Amino acid sequence: DKGLLQGVAKGARRSLKRFVNCFET
């Protein structure tokens, strides 16, 4: 709905719950 965006994922490299396997290209 919004096209190309940028976002910051705080603590994503340490998180075991919030971003599980989400950031593979």
PDB file of all heavy atoms in Angstrom:
ATOM      1  N   ASP A   1       0.791  -1.228   0.000  1.00  0.00           N
ATOM      2  CA  ASP A   1       0.000   0.000   0.000  1.00  0.00           C
ATOM      3  C   ASP A   1       0.827   1.284   0.000  1.00  0.00           C
ATOM      4  O   ASP A   1       0.315   2.353  -0.320  1.00  0.00           O
ATOM      5  CB  ASP A   1      -0.939   0.022   1.218  1.00  0.00           C
ATOM      6  CG  ASP A   1      -0.186  -0.112   2.534  1.00  0.00           C
ATOM      7  OD1 ASP A   1       0.969  -0.576   2.515  1.00  0.00           O
ATOM      8  OD2 ASP A   1      -0.757   0.252   3.582  1.00  0.00           O
ATOM      9  N   LYS A   2       2.116   1.195   0.335  1.00  0.00           N
ATOM     10  CA  LYS A   2       2.936   2.406   0.447  1.00  0.00           C
ATOM     11  C   LYS A   2       4.192   2.397  -0.414  1.00  0.00           C
ATOM     12  O   LYS A   2       4.892   3.389  -0.492  1.00  0.00           O
ATOM     13  CB  LYS A   2       3.333   2.635   1.910  1.00  0.00           C
ATOM     14  CG  LYS A   2       2.172   3.018   2.822  1.00  0.00           C
ATOM     15  CD  LYS A   2       2.676   3.328   4.222  1.00  0.00           C
ATOM     16  CE  LYS A   2       1.567   3.883   5.117  1.00  0.00           C
ATOM     17  NZ  LYS A   2       0.465   2.953   5.301  1.00  0.00           N
ATOM     18  N   GLY A   3       4.527   1.282  -1.047  1.00  0.00           N
ATOM     19  CA  GLY A   3       5.702   1.226  -1.899  1.00  0.00           C
ATOM     20  C   GLY A   3       6.993   1.019  -1.118  1.00  0.00           C
ATOM     21  O   GLY A   3       7.011   0.367  -0.075  1.00  0.00           O
ATOM     22  N   LEU A   4       8.070   1.610  -1.624  1.00  0.00           N
ATOM     23  CA  LEU A   4       9.403   1.401  -1.044  1.00  0.00           C
ATOM     24  C   LEU A   4       9.574   2.218   0.236  1.00  0.00           C
ATOM     25  O   LEU A   4       9.408   3.437   0.229  1.00  0.00           O
ATOM     26  CB  LEU A   4      10.470   1.804  -2.068  1.00  0.00           C
ATOM     27  CG  LEU A   4      11.906   1.375  -1.777  1.00  0.00           C
ATOM     28  CD1 LEU A   4      12.037  -0.149  -1.820  1.00  0.00           C
ATOM     29  CD2 LEU A   4      12.853   1.998  -2.796  1.00  0.00           C
ATOM     30  N   LEU A   5       9.935   1.527   1.322  1.00  0.00           N
ATOM     31  CA  LEU A   5      10.074   2.173   2.624  1.00  0.00           C
ATOM     32  C   LEU A   5      11.358   1.723   3.309  1.00  0.00           C
ATOM     33  O   LEU A   5      11.938   0.695   2.953  1.00  0.00           O
ATOM     34  CB  LEU A   5       8.890   1.820   3.532  1.00  0.00           C
ATOM     35  CG  LEU A   5       7.484   2.205   3.053  1.00  0.00           C
ATOM     36  CD1 LEU A   5       6.441   1.624   3.997  1.00  0.00           C
ATOM     37  CD2 LEU A   5       7.341   3.718   2.957  1.00  0.00           C
ATOM     38  N   GLN A   6      11.770   2.509   4.310  1.00  0.00           N
ATOM     39  CA  GLN A   6      12.894   2.139   5.170  1.00  0.00           C
ATOM     40  C   GLN A   6      12.418   2.080   6.609  1.00  0.00           C
ATOM     41  O   GLN A   6      11.614   2.909   7.036  1.00  0.00           O
ATOM     42  CB  GLN A   6      14.030   3.162   5.062  1.00  0.00           C
ATOM     43  CG  GLN A   6      14.768   3.143   3.743  1.00  0.00           C
ATOM     44  CD  GLN A   6      16.015   4.012   3.787  1.00  0.00           C
ATOM     45  OE1 GLN A   6      16.457   4.421   4.854  1.00  0.00           O
ATOM     46  NE2 GLN A   6      16.581   4.275   2.629  1.00  0.00           N
ATOM     47  N   GLY A   7      12.921   1.102   7.333  1.00  0.00           N
ATOM     48  CA  GLY A   7      12.546   0.986   8.735  1.00  0.00           C
ATOM     49  C   GLY A   7      13.724   0.542   9.581  1.00  0.00           C
ATOM     50  O   GLY A   7      14.625  -0.145   9.090  1.00  0.00           O
ATOM     51  N   VAL A   8      13.732   0.951  10.838  1.00  0.00           N
ATOM     52  CA  VAL A   8      14.776   0.548  11.780  1.00  0.00           C
ATOM     53  C   VAL A   8      14.200  -0.497  12.726  1.00  0.00           C
ATOM     54  O   VAL A   8      13.154  -0.284  13.341  1.00  0.00           O
ATOM     55  CB  VAL A   8      15.299   1.751  12.584  1.00  0.00           C
ATOM     56  CG1 VAL A   8      16.278   1.278  13.666  1.00  0.00           C
ATOM     57  CG2 VAL A   8      15.979   2.751  11.656  1.00  0.00           C
ATOM     58  N   ALA A   9      14.879  -1.619  12.812  1.00  0.00           N
ATOM     59  CA  ALA A   9      14.488  -2.686  13.730  1.00  0.00           C
ATOM     60  C   ALA A   9      15.450  -2.666  14.915  1.00  0.00           C
ATOM     61  O   ALA A   9      16.567  -3.171  14.840  1.00  0.00           O
ATOM     62  CB  ALA A   9      14.523  -4.040  13.023  1.00  0.00           C
ATOM     63  N   LYS A  10      15.005  -2.061  16.004  1.00  0.00           N
ATOM     64  CA  LYS A  10      15.841  -1.937  17.197  1.00  0.00           C
ATOM     65  C   LYS A  10      16.074  -3.304  17.841  1.00  0.00           C
ATOM     66  O   LYS A  10      15.143  -4.069  18.072  1.00  0.00           O
ATOM     67  CB  LYS A  10      15.166  -1.014  18.212  1.00  0.00           C
ATOM     68  CG  LYS A  10      15.116   0.445  17.810  1.00  0.00           C
ATOM     69  CD  LYS A  10      16.463   1.100  17.996  1.00  0.00           C
ATOM     70  CE  LYS A  10      16.389   2.608  17.791  1.00  0.00           C
ATOM     71  NZ  LYS A  10      17.703   3.249  17.987  1.00  0.00           N
ATOM     72  N   GLY A  11      17.331  -3.590  18.106  1.00  0.00           N
ATOM     73  CA  GLY A  11      17.682  -4.830  18.790  1.00  0.00           C
ATOM     74  C   GLY A  11      17.351  -6.085  18.014  1.00  0.00           C
ATOM     75  O   GLY A  11      17.260  -7.175  18.592  1.00  0.00           O
ATOM     76  N   ALA A  12      17.182  -5.970  16.689  1.00  0.00           N
ATOM     77  CA  ALA A  12      16.766  -7.118  15.882  1.00  0.00           C
ATOM     78  C   ALA A  12      17.792  -8.246  15.871  1.00  0.00           C
ATOM     79  O   ALA A  12      17.443  -9.422  15.780  1.00  0.00           O
ATOM     80  CB  ALA A  12      16.487  -6.667  14.450  1.00  0.00           C
ATOM     81  N   ARG A  13      19.073  -7.901  15.995  1.00  0.00           N
ATOM     82  CA  ARG A  13      20.103  -8.938  15.952  1.00  0.00           C
ATOM     83  C   ARG A  13      20.147  -9.743  17.248  1.00  0.00           C
ATOM     84  O   ARG A  13      20.717 -10.829  17.279  1.00  0.00           O
ATOM     85  CB  ARG A  13      21.475  -8.293  15.695  1.00  0.00           C
ATOM     86  CG  ARG A  13      21.542  -7.575  14.341  1.00  0.00           C
ATOM     87  CD  ARG A  13      22.871  -6.882  14.153  1.00  0.00           C
ATOM     88  NE  ARG A  13      23.963  -7.837  14.111  1.00  0.00           N
ATOM     89  CZ  ARG A  13      25.251  -7.494  14.200  1.00  0.00           C
ATOM     90  NH1 ARG A  13      25.580  -6.222  14.363  1.00  0.00           N
ATOM     91  NH2 ARG A  13      26.177  -8.413  14.153  1.00  0.00           N
ATOM     92  N   ARG A  14      19.522  -9.230  18.290  1.00  0.00           N
ATOM     93  CA  ARG A  14      19.486  -9.946  19.564  1.00  0.00           C
ATOM     94  C   ARG A  14      18.134 -10.588  19.836  1.00  0.00           C
ATOM     95  O   ARG A  14      18.026 -11.494  20.664  1.00  0.00           O
ATOM     96  CB  ARG A  14      19.808  -8.984  20.708  1.00  0.00           C
ATOM     97  CG  ARG A  14      21.211  -8.422  20.675  1.00  0.00           C
ATOM     98  CD  ARG A  14      21.405  -7.426  21.809  1.00  0.00           C
ATOM     99  NE  ARG A  14      22.753  -6.887  21.848  1.00  0.00           N
ATOM    100  CZ  ARG A  14      23.141  -5.924  22.679  1.00  0.00           C
ATOM    101  NH1 ARG A  14      22.264  -5.403  23.530  1.00  0.00           N
ATOM    102  NH2 ARG A  14      24.381  -5.478  22.652  1.00  0.00           N
ATOM    103  N   SER A  15      17.102 -10.107  19.146  1.00  0.00           N
ATOM    104  CA  SER A  15      15.742 -10.563  19.424  1.00  0.00           C
ATOM    105  C   SER A  15      15.531 -11.995  18.956  1.00  0.00           C
ATOM    106  O   SER A  15      15.879 -12.365  17.826  1.00  0.00           O
ATOM    107  CB  SER A  15      14.726  -9.652  18.734  1.00  0.00           C
ATOM    108  OG  SER A  15      13.423 -10.149  18.897  1.00  0.00           O
ATOM    109  N   LEU A  16      14.928 -12.806  19.822  1.00  0.00           N
ATOM    110  CA  LEU A  16      14.620 -14.197  19.487  1.00  0.00           C
ATOM    111  C   LEU A  16      13.135 -14.396  19.224  1.00  0.00           C
ATOM    112  O   LEU A  16      12.707 -15.497  18.875  1.00  0.00           O
ATOM    113  CB  LEU A  16      15.067 -15.117  20.627  1.00  0.00           C
ATOM    114  CG  LEU A  16      16.565 -15.105  20.964  1.00  0.00           C
ATOM    115  CD1 LEU A  16      16.842 -16.027  22.141  1.00  0.00           C
ATOM    116  CD2 LEU A  16      17.395 -15.521  19.754  1.00  0.00           C
ATOM    117  N   LYS A  17      12.336 -13.338  19.391  1.00  0.00           N
ATOM    118  CA  LYS A  17      10.890 -13.476  19.259  1.00  0.00           C
ATOM    119  C   LYS A  17      10.273 -12.500  18.243  1.00  0.00           C
ATOM    120  O   LYS A  17       9.373 -12.867  17.499  1.00  0.00           O
ATOM    121  CB  LYS A  17      10.218 -13.266  20.619  1.00  0.00           C
ATOM    122  CG  LYS A  17      10.553 -14.338  21.653  1.00  0.00           C
ATOM    123  CD  LYS A  17       9.796 -14.080  22.946  1.00  0.00           C
ATOM    124  CE  LYS A  17      10.098 -15.159  23.979  1.00  0.00           C
ATOM    125  NZ  LYS A  17       9.360 -14.923  25.256  1.00  0.00           N
ATOM    126  N   ARG A  18      10.727 -11.248  18.201  1.00  0.00           N
ATOM    127  CA  ARG A  18      10.031 -10.236  17.415  1.00  0.00           C
ATOM    128  C   ARG A  18      10.257 -10.359  15.909  1.00  0.00           C
ATOM    129  O   ARG A  18       9.381 -10.011  15.117  1.00  0.00           O
ATOM    130  CB  ARG A  18      10.463  -8.840  17.873  1.00  0.00           C
ATOM    131  CG  ARG A  18      10.007  -8.492  19.289  1.00  0.00           C
ATOM    132  CD  ARG A  18      10.311  -7.033  19.616  1.00  0.00           C
ATOM    133  NE  ARG A  18      11.752  -6.765  19.569  1.00  0.00           N
ATOM    134  CZ  ARG A  18      12.305  -5.765  18.901  1.00  0.00           C
ATOM    135  NH1 ARG A  18      11.547  -4.940  18.191  1.00  0.00           N
ATOM    136  NH2 ARG A  18      13.615  -5.576  18.917  1.00  0.00           N
ATOM    137  N   PHE A  19      11.433 -10.833  15.485  1.00  0.00           N
ATOM    138  CA  PHE A  19      11.752 -10.862  14.058  1.00  0.00           C
ATOM    139  C   PHE A  19      12.353 -12.204  13.639  1.00  0.00           C
ATOM    140  O   PHE A  19      13.385 -12.251  12.976  1.00  0.00           O
ATOM    141  CB  PHE A  19      12.734  -9.736  13.717  1.00  0.00           C
ATOM    142  CG  PHE A  19      12.241  -8.359  14.046  1.00  0.00           C
ATOM    143  CD1 PHE A  19      12.764  -7.663  15.125  1.00  0.00           C
ATOM    144  CD2 PHE A  19      11.260  -7.761  13.282  1.00  0.00           C
ATOM    145  CE1 PHE A  19      12.327  -6.382  15.429  1.00  0.00           C
ATOM    146  CE2 PHE A  19      10.813  -6.483  13.576  1.00  0.00           C
ATOM    147  CZ  PHE A  19      11.337  -5.790  14.650  1.00  0.00           C
ATOM    148  N   VAL A  20      11.714 -13.294  13.981  1.00  0.00           N
ATOM    149  CA  VAL A  20      12.259 -14.619  13.685  1.00  0.00           C
ATOM    150  C   VAL A  20      12.266 -14.864  12.174  1.00  0.00           C
ATOM    151  O   VAL A  20      11.213 -14.903  11.530  1.00  0.00           O
ATOM    152  CB  VAL A  20      11.439 -15.713  14.392  1.00  0.00           C
ATOM    153  CG1 VAL A  20      12.015 -17.078  14.054  1.00  0.00           C
ATOM    154  CG2 VAL A  20      11.444 -15.485  15.888  1.00  0.00           C
ATOM    155  N   ASN A  21      13.464 -15.004  11.587  1.00  0.00           N
ATOM    156  CA  ASN A  21      13.651 -15.316  10.161  1.00  0.00           C
ATOM    157  C   ASN A  21      12.974 -14.309   9.228  1.00  0.00           C
ATOM    158  O   ASN A  21      12.616 -14.643   8.098  1.00  0.00           O
ATOM    159  CB  ASN A  21      13.120 -16.720   9.848  1.00  0.00           C
ATOM    160  CG  ASN A  21      13.838 -17.793  10.617  1.00  0.00           C
ATOM    161  OD1 ASN A  21      15.037 -17.712  10.856  1.00  0.00           O
ATOM    162  ND2 ASN A  21      13.107 -18.816  11.032  1.00  0.00           N
ATOM    163  N   CYS A  22      12.828 -13.072   9.694  1.00  0.00           N
ATOM    164  CA  CYS A  22      12.092 -12.075   8.908  1.00  0.00           C
ATOM    165  C   CYS A  22      12.942 -11.317   7.896  1.00  0.00           C
ATOM    166  O   CYS A  22      12.399 -10.790   6.923  1.00  0.00           O
ATOM    167  CB  CYS A  22      11.433 -11.062   9.849  1.00  0.00           C
ATOM    168  SG  CYS A  22       9.950 -11.675  10.644  1.00  0.00           S
ATOM    169  N   PHE A  23      14.228 -11.225   8.126  1.00  0.00           N
ATOM    170  CA  PHE A  23      15.031 -10.294   7.348  1.00  0.00           C
ATOM    171  C   PHE A  23      15.983 -10.960   6.370  1.00  0.00           C
ATOM    172  O   PHE A  23      17.034 -10.407   6.026  1.00  0.00           O
ATOM    173  CB  PHE A  23      15.780  -9.353   8.295  1.00  0.00           C
ATOM    174  CG  PHE A  23      14.859  -8.477   9.103  1.00  0.00           C
ATOM    175  CD1 PHE A  23      15.119  -8.199  10.429  1.00  0.00           C
ATOM    176  CD2 PHE A  23      13.715  -7.949   8.535  1.00  0.00           C
ATOM    177  CE1 PHE A  23      14.270  -7.398  11.177  1.00  0.00           C
ATOM    178  CE2 PHE A  23      12.850  -7.148   9.265  1.00  0.00           C
ATOM    179  CZ  PHE A  23      13.126  -6.872  10.592  1.00  0.00           C
ATOM    180  N   GLU A  24      15.612 -12.149   5.882  1.00  0.00           N
ATOM    181  CA  GLU A  24      16.313 -12.741   4.746  1.00  0.00           C
ATOM    182  C   GLU A  24      15.818 -12.029   3.485  1.00  0.00           C
ATOM    183  O   GLU A  24      14.623 -11.801   3.316  1.00  0.00           O
ATOM    184  CB  GLU A  24      16.021 -14.235   4.646  1.00  0.00           C
ATOM    185  CG  GLU A  24      16.642 -15.080   5.746  1.00  0.00           C
ATOM    186  CD  GLU A  24      18.138 -15.264   5.546  1.00  0.00           C
ATOM    187  OE1 GLU A  24      18.612 -15.090   4.403  1.00  0.00           O
ATOM    188  OE2 GLU A  24      18.829 -15.568   6.533  1.00  0.00           O
ATOM    189  N   THR A  25      16.734 -11.679   2.599  1.00  0.00           N
ATOM    190  CA  THR A  25      16.334 -11.034   1.355  1.00  0.00           C
ATOM    191  C   THR A  25      15.385 -11.937   0.576  1.00  0.00           C
ATOM    192  O   THR A  25      15.486 -13.154   0.646  1.00  0.00           O
ATOM    193  CB  THR A  25      17.572 -10.728   0.494  1.00  0.00           C
ATOM    194  OG1 THR A  25      18.551 -10.071   1.296  1.00  0.00           O
ATOM    195  CG2 THR A  25      17.212  -9.810  -0.667  1.00  0.00           C
TER     196      THR A  25
END
